[in-house]
Amino acid sequence: MFDVCVVGSANLDLVATTDRLPRPGETVLGAEFRQHPGGKGLNQAVAAARSGATVAFVGAIGADDAGTTLRAVLDAESIDATGVTVIEDVPTGRALITVDRDGENVIVVAPGANGALANAHVPAARVVLAQLEIPAAAVLAALRGARNAGATTILNPAPAPGGELDAALLEVVDVLVPNEHEVELLGGVTRLLDAGVRTVIVTRGADGAEVRSAAQQWTQSSLEVDVVDTTGAGDAFCGSLAARLAAGDDLRMAVEWAVAAGALAATVAGAVPSLPWSEAIAARVGSRASPEHPQ
């Protein structure tokens, strides 16, 4: 059994830096261009692995150089890629990212092979984590199967749809992790809890995270860091949260760890390059033993 299985997207990120983000219809000159492995699914899988979890990734890539690059990342991070499907004649997904001098970003995702991911086999795991950069049917099947198998289910509803999430999906989500913008698009925390989600964790960037359930409500403050690029910070939060819940942390400890991971990710440019290792996170929140699980 894996600690964490991530079902989601894998993209090649094309990143341009600029002094400020362009307004609609405006062209601005960029300062630098880089390519990084990314996609919310792959990012969160790497974040979970770097927080000490054994991780499996389920997703889809194209039969192209970008797909080969992403597969190599999974191998390098010791993430099981048995569930990665190669889609012929469809390119690997791309994310077009612009980052300004304050580290804020705008992102456009071209799904490519991610959009062709069908109901895939999800291996046994303590925690199953998904996002919305793959077809909704695949997300629902993965989380429903995970819930039936006794796993904890986490959904990062990004990119958020411009309306309500499917009721059947919300009913199989243990932990929903939207950011402060996504939660408003989805109707607010109260509506999400009323729809069947057990816990909602709203990430608020430099303001940390707000946790609400039927039984509790509290806020975890963030770290003070020098922000370079917020790309990947939310993915660092989600992946490390999944890892720590799988390790047996209670929710408060897991959120403290995840907030620190997200803050540290914002201090480094790029998505996968920014995802922090457990040693760096532990140094900011206090050392804890590495997770040990019965087989």
C-alpha atoms as a PDB file:
ATOM      1  CA  MET A   1       0.000   0.000   0.000  1.00  0.00           C
ATOM      2  CA  PHE A   2       1.197   3.490  -0.848  1.00  0.00           C
ATOM      3  CA  ASP A   3       0.966   6.374   1.579  1.00  0.00           C
ATOM      4  CA  VAL A   4      -0.404   8.725  -1.085  1.00  0.00           C
ATOM      5  CA  CYS A   5      -1.806   8.250  -4.575  1.00  0.00           C
ATOM      6  CA  VAL A   6      -2.135  11.417  -6.643  1.00  0.00           C
ATOM      7  CA  VAL A   7      -4.555  11.339  -9.578  1.00  0.00           C
ATOM      8  CA  GLY A   8      -4.014  14.372 -11.764  1.00  0.00           C
ATOM      9  CA  SER A   9      -2.285  16.352 -14.444  1.00  0.00           C
ATOM     10  CA  ALA A  10       1.286  16.463 -15.681  1.00  0.00           C
ATOM     11  CA  ASN A  11       2.395  19.468 -17.739  1.00  0.00           C
ATOM     12  CA  LEU A  12       5.491  21.124 -19.021  1.00  0.00           C
ATOM     13  CA  ASP A  13       5.483  24.662 -17.581  1.00  0.00           C
ATOM     14  CA  LEU A  14       6.601  27.512 -19.853  1.00  0.00           C
ATOM     15  CA  VAL A  15       7.439  30.423 -17.547  1.00  0.00           C
ATOM     16  CA  ALA A  16       8.090  34.048 -18.468  1.00  0.00           C
ATOM     17  CA  THR A  17       9.018  36.680 -15.884  1.00  0.00           C
ATOM     18  CA  THR A  18       8.072  40.324 -16.299  1.00  0.00           C
ATOM     19  CA  ASP A  19       8.033  43.520 -14.270  1.00  0.00           C
ATOM     20  CA  ARG A  20       4.229  43.468 -14.036  1.00  0.00           C
ATOM     21  CA  LEU A  21       1.404  41.329 -15.312  1.00  0.00           C
ATOM     22  CA  PRO A  22      -0.190  42.566 -18.572  1.00  0.00           C
ATOM     23  CA  ARG A  23      -3.694  43.974 -18.663  1.00  0.00           C
ATOM     24  CA  PRO A  24      -6.186  42.566 -21.193  1.00  0.00           C
ATOM     25  CA  GLY A  25      -5.048  43.397 -24.713  1.00  0.00           C
ATOM     26  CA  GLU A  26      -1.626  44.615 -23.556  1.00  0.00           C
ATOM     27  CA  THR A  27       1.823  43.281 -24.492  1.00  0.00           C
ATOM     28  CA  VAL A  28       4.678  43.608 -21.996  1.00  0.00           C
ATOM     29  CA  LEU A  29       8.338  42.692 -22.370  1.00  0.00           C
ATOM     30  CA  GLY A  30       9.561  39.726 -20.366  1.00  0.00           C
ATOM     31  CA  ALA A  31      12.847  39.436 -18.508  1.00  0.00           C
ATOM     32  CA  GLU A  32      13.488  35.687 -18.515  1.00  0.00           C
ATOM     33  CA  PHE A  33      12.074  32.430 -19.903  1.00  0.00           C
ATOM     34  CA  ARG A  34      12.359  28.970 -18.343  1.00  0.00           C
ATOM     35  CA  GLN A  35      10.854  25.498 -18.782  1.00  0.00           C
ATOM     36  CA  HIS A  36       9.967  23.395 -15.751  1.00  0.00           C
ATOM     37  CA  PRO A  37       8.098  20.149 -15.156  1.00  0.00           C
ATOM     38  CA  GLY A  38       4.698  20.892 -13.657  1.00  0.00           C
ATOM     39  CA  GLY A  39       0.983  20.223 -13.647  1.00  0.00           C
ATOM     40  CA  LYS A  40      -0.915  20.223 -10.384  1.00  0.00           C
ATOM     41  CA  GLY A  41      -0.954  16.452 -10.180  1.00  0.00           C
ATOM     42  CA  LEU A  42       2.762  15.967 -10.763  1.00  0.00           C
ATOM     43  CA  ASN A  43       3.635  18.893  -8.490  1.00  0.00           C
ATOM     44  CA  GLN A  44       1.550  17.516  -5.647  1.00  0.00           C
ATOM     45  CA  ALA A  45       2.994  14.031  -6.094  1.00  0.00           C
ATOM     46  CA  VAL A  46       6.529  15.432  -5.817  1.00  0.00           C
ATOM     47  CA  ALA A  47       5.550  17.531  -2.791  1.00  0.00           C
ATOM     48  CA  ALA A  48       4.145  14.461  -1.049  1.00  0.00           C
ATOM     49  CA  ALA A  49       7.263  12.425  -1.831  1.00  0.00           C
ATOM     50  CA  ARG A  50       9.543  15.170  -0.526  1.00  0.00           C
ATOM     51  CA  SER A  51       7.498  15.243   2.691  1.00  0.00           C
ATOM     52  CA  GLY A  52       8.406  11.605   3.266  1.00  0.00           C
ATOM     53  CA  ALA A  53       5.509   9.688   1.723  1.00  0.00           C
ATOM     54  CA  THR A  54       5.614   6.717  -0.611  1.00  0.00           C
ATOM     55  CA  VAL A  55       3.712   7.994  -3.642  1.00  0.00           C
ATOM     56  CA  ALA A  56       1.999   6.637  -6.753  1.00  0.00           C
ATOM     57  CA  PHE A  57       0.962   8.918  -9.615  1.00  0.00           C
ATOM     58  CA  VAL A  58      -1.944   8.280 -11.990  1.00  0.00           C
ATOM     59  CA  GLY A  59      -2.111  10.525 -15.057  1.00  0.00           C
ATOM     60  CA  ALA A  60      -1.567  10.841 -18.807  1.00  0.00           C
ATOM     61  CA  ILE A  61       1.233  12.211 -20.996  1.00  0.00           C
ATOM     62  CA  GLY A  62       1.855  12.414 -24.713  1.00  0.00           C
ATOM     63  CA  ALA A  63       4.316  10.319 -26.727  1.00  0.00           C
ATOM     64  CA  ASP A  64       6.643  13.311 -27.071  1.00  0.00           C
ATOM     65  CA  ASP A  65       9.790  14.846 -25.588  1.00  0.00           C
ATOM     66  CA  ALA A  66       7.795  16.712 -22.945  1.00  0.00           C
ATOM     67  CA  GLY A  67       6.234  13.448 -21.801  1.00  0.00           C
ATOM     68  CA  THR A  68       9.658  11.834 -21.560  1.00  0.00           C
ATOM     69  CA  THR A  69      10.853  14.755 -19.451  1.00  0.00           C
ATOM     70  CA  LEU A  70       7.958  14.408 -17.035  1.00  0.00           C
ATOM     71  CA  ARG A  71       8.349  10.643 -16.733  1.00  0.00           C
ATOM     72  CA  ALA A  72      12.008  11.214 -15.824  1.00  0.00           C
ATOM     73  CA  VAL A  73      10.939  13.526 -13.000  1.00  0.00           C
ATOM     74  CA  LEU A  74       8.710  10.845 -11.499  1.00  0.00           C
ATOM     75  CA  ASP A  75      11.552   8.348 -11.688  1.00  0.00           C
ATOM     76  CA  ALA A  76      14.007  10.773 -10.093  1.00  0.00           C
ATOM     77  CA  GLU A  77      11.623  11.406  -7.189  1.00  0.00           C
ATOM     78  CA  SER A  78      10.989   7.653  -6.659  1.00  0.00           C
ATOM     79  CA  ILE A  79       7.302   8.065  -7.497  1.00  0.00           C
ATOM     80  CA  ASP A  80       5.562   4.971  -8.853  1.00  0.00           C
ATOM     81  CA  ALA A  81       4.506   5.687 -12.446  1.00  0.00           C
ATOM     82  CA  THR A  82       2.724   2.420 -13.221  1.00  0.00           C
ATOM     83  CA  GLY A  83      -0.514   4.385 -13.548  1.00  0.00           C
ATOM     84  CA  VAL A  84       0.814   6.839 -16.146  1.00  0.00           C
ATOM     85  CA  THR A  85      -0.861   6.364 -19.549  1.00  0.00           C
ATOM     86  CA  VAL A  86       0.877   7.446 -22.765  1.00  0.00           C
ATOM     87  CA  ILE A  87      -1.623   8.917 -25.239  1.00  0.00           C
ATOM     88  CA  GLU A  88      -0.594   8.680 -28.892  1.00  0.00           C
ATOM     89  CA  ASP A  89      -1.145  11.645 -31.232  1.00  0.00           C
ATOM     90  CA  VAL A  90      -2.007  14.004 -28.361  1.00  0.00           C
ATOM     91  CA  PRO A  91       0.650  16.355 -26.948  1.00  0.00           C
ATOM     92  CA  THR A  92       1.666  16.429 -23.324  1.00  0.00           C
ATOM     93  CA  GLY A  93      -0.086  19.215 -21.420  1.00  0.00           C
ATOM     94  CA  ARG A  94       1.436  22.674 -21.217  1.00  0.00           C
ATOM     95  CA  ALA A  95       1.033  25.532 -18.739  1.00  0.00           C
ATOM     96  CA  LEU A  96       1.773  29.089 -19.868  1.00  0.00           C
ATOM     97  CA  ILE A  97       2.837  31.062 -16.797  1.00  0.00           C
ATOM     98  CA  THR A  98       3.664  34.743 -16.367  1.00  0.00           C
ATOM     99  CA  VAL A  99       5.282  35.863 -13.088  1.00  0.00           C
ATOM    100  CA  ASP A 100       5.693  39.489 -12.011  1.00  0.00           C
ATOM    101  CA  ARG A 101       8.340  41.142  -9.809  1.00  0.00           C
ATOM    102  CA  ASP A 102       6.265  40.481  -6.663  1.00  0.00           C
ATOM    103  CA  GLY A 103       6.023  36.759  -7.364  1.00  0.00           C
ATOM    104  CA  GLU A 104       2.354  36.854  -8.378  1.00  0.00           C
ATOM    105  CA  ASN A 105       1.362  34.881 -11.448  1.00  0.00           C
ATOM    106  CA  VAL A 106      -1.273  34.212 -14.078  1.00  0.00           C
ATOM    107  CA  ILE A 107      -1.533  30.745 -15.623  1.00  0.00           C
ATOM    108  CA  VAL A 108      -3.202  29.303 -18.708  1.00  0.00           C
ATOM    109  CA  VAL A 109      -3.262  25.505 -18.989  1.00  0.00           C
ATOM    110  CA  ALA A 110      -3.581  23.625 -22.304  1.00  0.00           C
ATOM    111  CA  PRO A 111      -4.556  20.138 -21.039  1.00  0.00           C
ATOM    112  CA  GLY A 112      -3.344  18.022 -23.972  1.00  0.00           C
ATOM    113  CA  ALA A 113      -3.073  14.389 -22.886  1.00  0.00           C
ATOM    114  CA  ASN A 114      -4.482  15.243 -19.459  1.00  0.00           C
ATOM    115  CA  GLY A 115      -7.864  15.735 -21.087  1.00  0.00           C
ATOM    116  CA  ALA A 116      -7.806  12.170 -22.389  1.00  0.00           C
ATOM    117  CA  LEU A 117      -7.359  10.527 -18.991  1.00  0.00           C
ATOM    118  CA  ALA A 118     -10.190   8.056 -18.505  1.00  0.00           C
ATOM    119  CA  ASN A 119     -11.120   5.988 -15.489  1.00  0.00           C
ATOM    120  CA  ALA A 120      -7.742   4.612 -14.481  1.00  0.00           C
ATOM    121  CA  HIS A 121      -6.782   2.044 -11.869  1.00  0.00           C
ATOM    122  CA  VAL A 122      -5.980   3.733  -8.557  1.00  0.00           C
ATOM    123  CA  PRO A 123      -3.677   1.616  -6.397  1.00  0.00           C
ATOM    124  CA  ALA A 124      -4.343   1.126  -2.703  1.00  0.00           C
ATOM    125  CA  ALA A 125      -3.253   4.152  -0.667  1.00  0.00           C
ATOM    126  CA  ARG A 126      -3.944   5.728   2.705  1.00  0.00           C
ATOM    127  CA  VAL A 127      -4.698   9.080   1.085  1.00  0.00           C
ATOM    128  CA  VAL A 128      -5.891   9.771  -2.473  1.00  0.00           C
ATOM    129  CA  LEU A 129      -5.462  13.321  -3.755  1.00  0.00           C
ATOM    130  CA  ALA A 130      -6.915  14.796  -6.949  1.00  0.00           C
ATOM    131  CA  GLN A 131      -7.396  18.157  -8.712  1.00  0.00           C
ATOM    132  CA  LEU A 132      -9.507  19.450 -11.615  1.00  0.00           C
ATOM    133  CA  GLU A 133      -6.984  19.610 -14.474  1.00  0.00           C
ATOM    134  CA  ILE A 134      -8.217  16.195 -15.648  1.00  0.00           C
ATOM    135  CA  PRO A 135     -11.743  15.148 -16.686  1.00  0.00           C
ATOM    136  CA  ALA A 136     -14.329  15.378 -13.917  1.00  0.00           C
ATOM    137  CA  ALA A 137     -15.436  11.798 -14.532  1.00  0.00           C
ATOM    138  CA  ALA A 138     -11.924  10.520 -13.815  1.00  0.00           C
ATOM    139  CA  VAL A 139     -11.759  12.541 -10.593  1.00  0.00           C
ATOM    140  CA  LEU A 140     -15.130  11.263  -9.396  1.00  0.00           C
ATOM    141  CA  ALA A 141     -14.263   7.640 -10.163  1.00  0.00           C
ATOM    142  CA  ALA A 142     -10.914   7.906  -8.392  1.00  0.00           C
ATOM    143  CA  LEU A 143     -12.259   9.519  -5.213  1.00  0.00           C
ATOM    144  CA  ARG A 144     -15.361   7.328  -5.064  1.00  0.00           C
ATOM    145  CA  GLY A 145     -13.230   4.199  -5.371  1.00  0.00           C
ATOM    146  CA  ALA A 146     -10.782   5.509  -2.773  1.00  0.00           C
ATOM    147  CA  ARG A 147     -13.566   6.312  -0.311  1.00  0.00           C
ATOM    148  CA  ASN A 148     -15.060   2.844  -0.784  1.00  0.00           C
ATOM    149  CA  ALA A 149     -11.628   1.331  -0.094  1.00  0.00           C
ATOM    150  CA  GLY A 150     -11.289   3.257   3.162  1.00  0.00           C
ATOM    151  CA  ALA A 151      -8.809   5.906   2.030  1.00  0.00           C
ATOM    152  CA  THR A 152      -8.907   9.560   3.047  1.00  0.00           C
ATOM    153  CA  THR A 153      -9.875  11.635   0.004  1.00  0.00           C
ATOM    154  CA  ILE A 154      -8.565  15.136  -0.734  1.00  0.00           C
ATOM    155  CA  LEU A 155      -9.671  17.359  -3.603  1.00  0.00           C
ATOM    156  CA  ASN A 156      -7.884  20.531  -4.654  1.00  0.00           C
ATOM    157  CA  PRO A 157     -10.635  22.169  -6.782  1.00  0.00           C
ATOM    158  CA  ALA A 158      -8.296  23.959  -9.167  1.00  0.00           C
ATOM    159  CA  PRO A 159      -8.943  25.328 -11.613  1.00  0.00           C
ATOM    160  CA  ALA A 160     -12.288  26.072 -10.006  1.00  0.00           C
ATOM    161  CA  PRO A 161     -15.305  25.840 -12.307  1.00  0.00           C
ATOM    162  CA  GLY A 162     -17.446  28.911 -12.645  1.00  0.00           C
ATOM    163  CA  GLY A 163     -20.261  27.275 -10.715  1.00  0.00           C
ATOM    164  CA  GLU A 164     -21.081  24.486  -8.303  1.00  0.00           C
ATOM    165  CA  LEU A 165     -19.149  21.251  -8.205  1.00  0.00           C
ATOM    166  CA  ASP A 166     -21.100  18.071  -8.896  1.00  0.00           C
ATOM    167  CA  ALA A 167     -22.953  16.966  -5.780  1.00  0.00           C
ATOM    168  CA  ALA A 168     -21.824  13.362  -6.221  1.00  0.00           C
ATOM    169  CA  LEU A 169     -18.196  14.510  -6.176  1.00  0.00           C
ATOM    170  CA  LEU A 170     -18.532  16.639  -3.042  1.00  0.00           C
ATOM    171  CA  GLU A 171     -20.127  13.713  -1.213  1.00  0.00           C
ATOM    172  CA  VAL A 172     -16.934  11.641  -1.540  1.00  0.00           C
ATOM    173  CA  VAL A 173     -14.485  14.383  -0.490  1.00  0.00           C
ATOM    174  CA  ASP A 174     -13.099  14.225   3.033  1.00  0.00           C
ATOM    175  CA  VAL A 175     -10.917  17.330   2.716  1.00  0.00           C
ATOM    176  CA  LEU A 176     -11.465  20.096   0.149  1.00  0.00           C
ATOM    177  CA  VAL A 177      -8.566  22.532  -0.337  1.00  0.00           C
ATOM    178  CA  PRO A 178      -9.560  25.626  -2.359  1.00  0.00           C
ATOM    179  CA  ASN A 179      -7.712  28.936  -2.260  1.00  0.00           C
ATOM    180  CA  GLU A 180      -9.450  32.155  -1.226  1.00  0.00           C
ATOM    181  CA  HIS A 181     -10.596  32.879  -4.791  1.00  0.00           C
ATOM    182  CA  GLU A 182     -11.738  29.346  -5.607  1.00  0.00           C
ATOM    183  CA  VAL A 183     -13.856  29.015  -2.483  1.00  0.00           C
ATOM    184  CA  GLU A 184     -15.923  32.033  -3.506  1.00  0.00           C
ATOM    185  CA  LEU A 185     -16.434  30.645  -7.016  1.00  0.00           C
ATOM    186  CA  LEU A 186     -17.704  27.445  -5.413  1.00  0.00           C
ATOM    187  CA  GLY A 187     -20.290  29.205  -3.273  1.00  0.00           C
ATOM    188  CA  GLY A 188     -18.462  29.569   0.027  1.00  0.00           C
ATOM    189  CA  VAL A 189     -17.416  27.290   2.855  1.00  0.00           C
ATOM    190  CA  THR A 190     -20.858  26.832   4.385  1.00  0.00           C
ATOM    191  CA  ARG A 191     -22.381  25.607   1.117  1.00  0.00           C
ATOM    192  CA  LEU A 192     -19.514  23.159   0.606  1.00  0.00           C
ATOM    193  CA  LEU A 193     -19.899  21.709   4.098  1.00  0.00           C
ATOM    194  CA  ASP A 194     -23.668  21.459   3.641  1.00  0.00           C
ATOM    195  CA  ALA A 195     -23.049  19.578   0.365  1.00  0.00           C
ATOM    196  CA  GLY A 196     -21.205  16.787   2.180  1.00  0.00           C
ATOM    197  CA  VAL A 197     -17.542  17.805   2.356  1.00  0.00           C
ATOM    198  CA  ARG A 198     -16.240  16.881   5.790  1.00  0.00           C
ATOM    199  CA  THR A 199     -13.513  19.540   6.106  1.00  0.00           C
ATOM    200  CA  VAL A 200     -12.721  22.652   4.059  1.00  0.00           C
ATOM    201  CA  ILE A 201      -9.236  24.160   4.226  1.00  0.00           C
ATOM    202  CA  VAL A 202      -9.008  27.556   2.533  1.00  0.00           C
ATOM    203  CA  THR A 203      -5.449  28.547   1.666  1.00  0.00           C
ATOM    204  CA  ARG A 204      -4.871  32.304   1.910  1.00  0.00           C
ATOM    205  CA  GLY A 205      -1.272  32.814   0.800  1.00  0.00           C
ATOM    206  CA  ALA A 206       0.651  35.007   3.225  1.00  0.00           C
ATOM    207  CA  ASP A 207      -2.306  34.825   5.625  1.00  0.00           C
ATOM    208  CA  GLY A 208      -1.940  31.070   6.086  1.00  0.00           C
ATOM    209  CA  ALA A 209      -4.957  28.767   6.007  1.00  0.00           C
ATOM    210  CA  GLU A 210      -8.448  28.648   7.497  1.00  0.00           C
ATOM    211  CA  VAL A 211      -9.828  25.257   8.553  1.00  0.00           C
ATOM    212  CA  ARG A 212     -13.550  24.617   8.975  1.00  0.00           C
ATOM    213  CA  SER A 213     -15.674  21.555   9.605  1.00  0.00           C
ATOM    214  CA  ALA A 214     -18.930  20.901  11.405  1.00  0.00           C
ATOM    215  CA  ALA A 215     -16.983  20.494  14.650  1.00  0.00           C
ATOM    216  CA  GLN A 216     -14.196  23.073  14.460  1.00  0.00           C
ATOM    217  CA  GLN A 217     -12.919  26.311  12.975  1.00  0.00           C
ATOM    218  CA  TRP A 218      -9.403  27.701  13.293  1.00  0.00           C
ATOM    219  CA  THR A 219      -6.650  29.501  11.385  1.00  0.00           C
ATOM    220  CA  GLN A 220      -3.014  28.510  10.877  1.00  0.00           C
ATOM    221  CA  SER A 221      -0.698  31.490  10.341  1.00  0.00           C
ATOM    222  CA  SER A 222       1.973  31.386   7.651  1.00  0.00           C
ATOM    223  CA  LEU A 223       5.717  31.869   7.802  1.00  0.00           C
ATOM    224  CA  GLU A 224       7.349  35.195   7.007  1.00  0.00           C
ATOM    225  CA  VAL A 225       9.344  34.608   3.818  1.00  0.00           C
ATOM    226  CA  ASP A 226      10.729  36.605   0.907  1.00  0.00           C
ATOM    227  CA  VAL A 227       8.402  35.731  -1.971  1.00  0.00           C
ATOM    228  CA  VAL A 228      10.037  35.025  -5.334  1.00  0.00           C
ATOM    229  CA  ASP A 229       7.342  33.070  -7.205  1.00  0.00           C
ATOM    230  CA  THR A 230       4.028  31.751  -5.876  1.00  0.00           C
ATOM    231  CA  THR A 231       3.771  29.129  -8.651  1.00  0.00           C
ATOM    232  CA  GLY A 232       3.547  25.731  -6.966  1.00  0.00           C
ATOM    233  CA  ALA A 233       2.909  27.052  -3.451  1.00  0.00           C
ATOM    234  CA  GLY A 234      -0.632  25.670  -3.380  1.00  0.00           C
ATOM    235  CA  ASP A 235       0.602  22.352  -4.743  1.00  0.00           C
ATOM    236  CA  ALA A 236       3.268  22.200  -2.035  1.00  0.00           C
ATOM    237  CA  PHE A 237       0.498  22.699   0.523  1.00  0.00           C
ATOM    238  CA  CYS A 238      -1.739  19.955  -0.882  1.00  0.00           C
ATOM    239  CA  GLY A 239       0.960  17.342  -1.434  1.00  0.00           C
ATOM    240  CA  SER A 240       2.577  17.833   1.957  1.00  0.00           C
ATOM    241  CA  LEU A 241      -0.826  17.853   3.675  1.00  0.00           C
ATOM    242  CA  ALA A 242      -1.603  14.473   2.100  1.00  0.00           C
ATOM    243  CA  ALA A 243       1.779  13.101   3.167  1.00  0.00           C
ATOM    244  CA  ARG A 244       1.392  14.155   6.769  1.00  0.00           C
ATOM    245  CA  LEU A 245      -2.175  12.871   7.057  1.00  0.00           C
ATOM    246  CA  ALA A 246      -0.960   9.551   5.654  1.00  0.00           C
ATOM    247  CA  ALA A 247       1.829   9.603   8.247  1.00  0.00           C
ATOM    248  CA  GLY A 248      -0.755   9.782  11.031  1.00  0.00           C
ATOM    249  CA  ASP A 249      -0.594  13.470  11.955  1.00  0.00           C
ATOM    250  CA  ASP A 250      -3.768  15.004  13.294  1.00  0.00           C
ATOM    251  CA  LEU A 251      -5.299  17.724  11.139  1.00  0.00           C
ATOM    252  CA  ARG A 252      -3.775  20.630  13.072  1.00  0.00           C
ATOM    253  CA  MET A 253      -0.239  19.232  12.797  1.00  0.00           C
ATOM    254  CA  ALA A 254      -0.701  18.372   9.125  1.00  0.00           C
ATOM    255  CA  VAL A 255      -1.956  21.873   8.293  1.00  0.00           C
ATOM    256  CA  GLU A 256       0.930  23.498  10.177  1.00  0.00           C
ATOM    257  CA  TRP A 257       3.346  21.423   8.084  1.00  0.00           C
ATOM    258  CA  ALA A 258       1.489  22.173   4.849  1.00  0.00           C
ATOM    259  CA  VAL A 259       1.400  25.937   5.455  1.00  0.00           C
ATOM    260  CA  ALA A 260       5.152  25.919   6.034  1.00  0.00           C
ATOM    261  CA  ALA A 261       5.696  23.906   2.851  1.00  0.00           C
ATOM    262  CA  GLY A 262       3.621  26.353   0.821  1.00  0.00           C
ATOM    263  CA  ALA A 263       5.475  29.350   2.210  1.00  0.00           C
ATOM    264  CA  LEU A 264       8.884  27.822   1.488  1.00  0.00           C
ATOM    265  CA  ALA A 265       7.807  26.963  -2.060  1.00  0.00           C
ATOM    266  CA  ALA A 266       7.139  30.651  -2.712  1.00  0.00           C
ATOM    267  CA  THR A 267      10.808  31.478  -2.055  1.00  0.00           C
ATOM    268  CA  VAL A 268      12.073  29.618  -5.161  1.00  0.00           C
ATOM    269  CA  ALA A 269      11.190  30.144  -8.836  1.00  0.00           C
ATOM    270  CA  GLY A 270       9.315  27.420 -10.700  1.00  0.00           C
ATOM    271  CA  ALA A 271       6.922  24.719  -9.562  1.00  0.00           C
ATOM    272  CA  VAL A 272       8.810  21.427  -9.081  1.00  0.00           C
ATOM    273  CA  PRO A 273      12.134  23.207  -8.339  1.00  0.00           C
ATOM    274  CA  SER A 274      10.462  25.100  -5.492  1.00  0.00           C
ATOM    275  CA  LEU A 275       8.868  22.156  -3.684  1.00  0.00           C
ATOM    276  CA  PRO A 276      10.625  21.838  -0.322  1.00  0.00           C
ATOM    277  CA  TRP A 277      12.104  18.730   1.259  1.00  0.00           C
ATOM    278  CA  SER A 278      10.972  17.497   4.654  1.00  0.00           C
ATOM    279  CA  GLU A 279      14.212  18.597   6.333  1.00  0.00           C
ATOM    280  CA  ALA A 280      13.639  22.222   5.333  1.00  0.00           C
ATOM    281  CA  ILE A 281      10.010  22.126   6.434  1.00  0.00           C
ATOM    282  CA  ALA A 282      10.820  20.464   9.750  1.00  0.00           C
ATOM    283  CA  ALA A 283      13.416  23.154  10.475  1.00  0.00           C
ATOM    284  CA  ARG A 284      10.625  25.736  10.374  1.00  0.00           C
ATOM    285  CA  VAL A 285       7.911  23.907  12.278  1.00  0.00           C
ATOM    286  CA  GLY A 286       9.926  21.767  14.691  1.00  0.00           C
ATOM    287  CA  SER A 287      11.402  18.325  14.089  1.00  0.00           C
ATOM    288  CA  ARG A 288       9.119  15.303  13.965  1.00  0.00           C
ATOM    289  CA  ALA A 289       9.999  11.681  13.413  1.00  0.00           C
ATOM    290  CA  SER A 290       9.926  10.352   9.867  1.00  0.00           C
ATOM    291  CA  PRO A 291       6.697   8.490   9.129  1.00  0.00           C
ATOM    292  CA  GLU A 292       6.697   4.788   9.794  1.00  0.00           C
ATOM    293  CA  HIS A 293       3.774   2.643   8.668  1.00  0.00           C
ATOM    294  CA  PRO A 294       2.767  -0.948   9.300  1.00  0.00           C
ATOM    295  CA  GLN A 295       2.613  -2.986   6.129  1.00  0.00           C
END
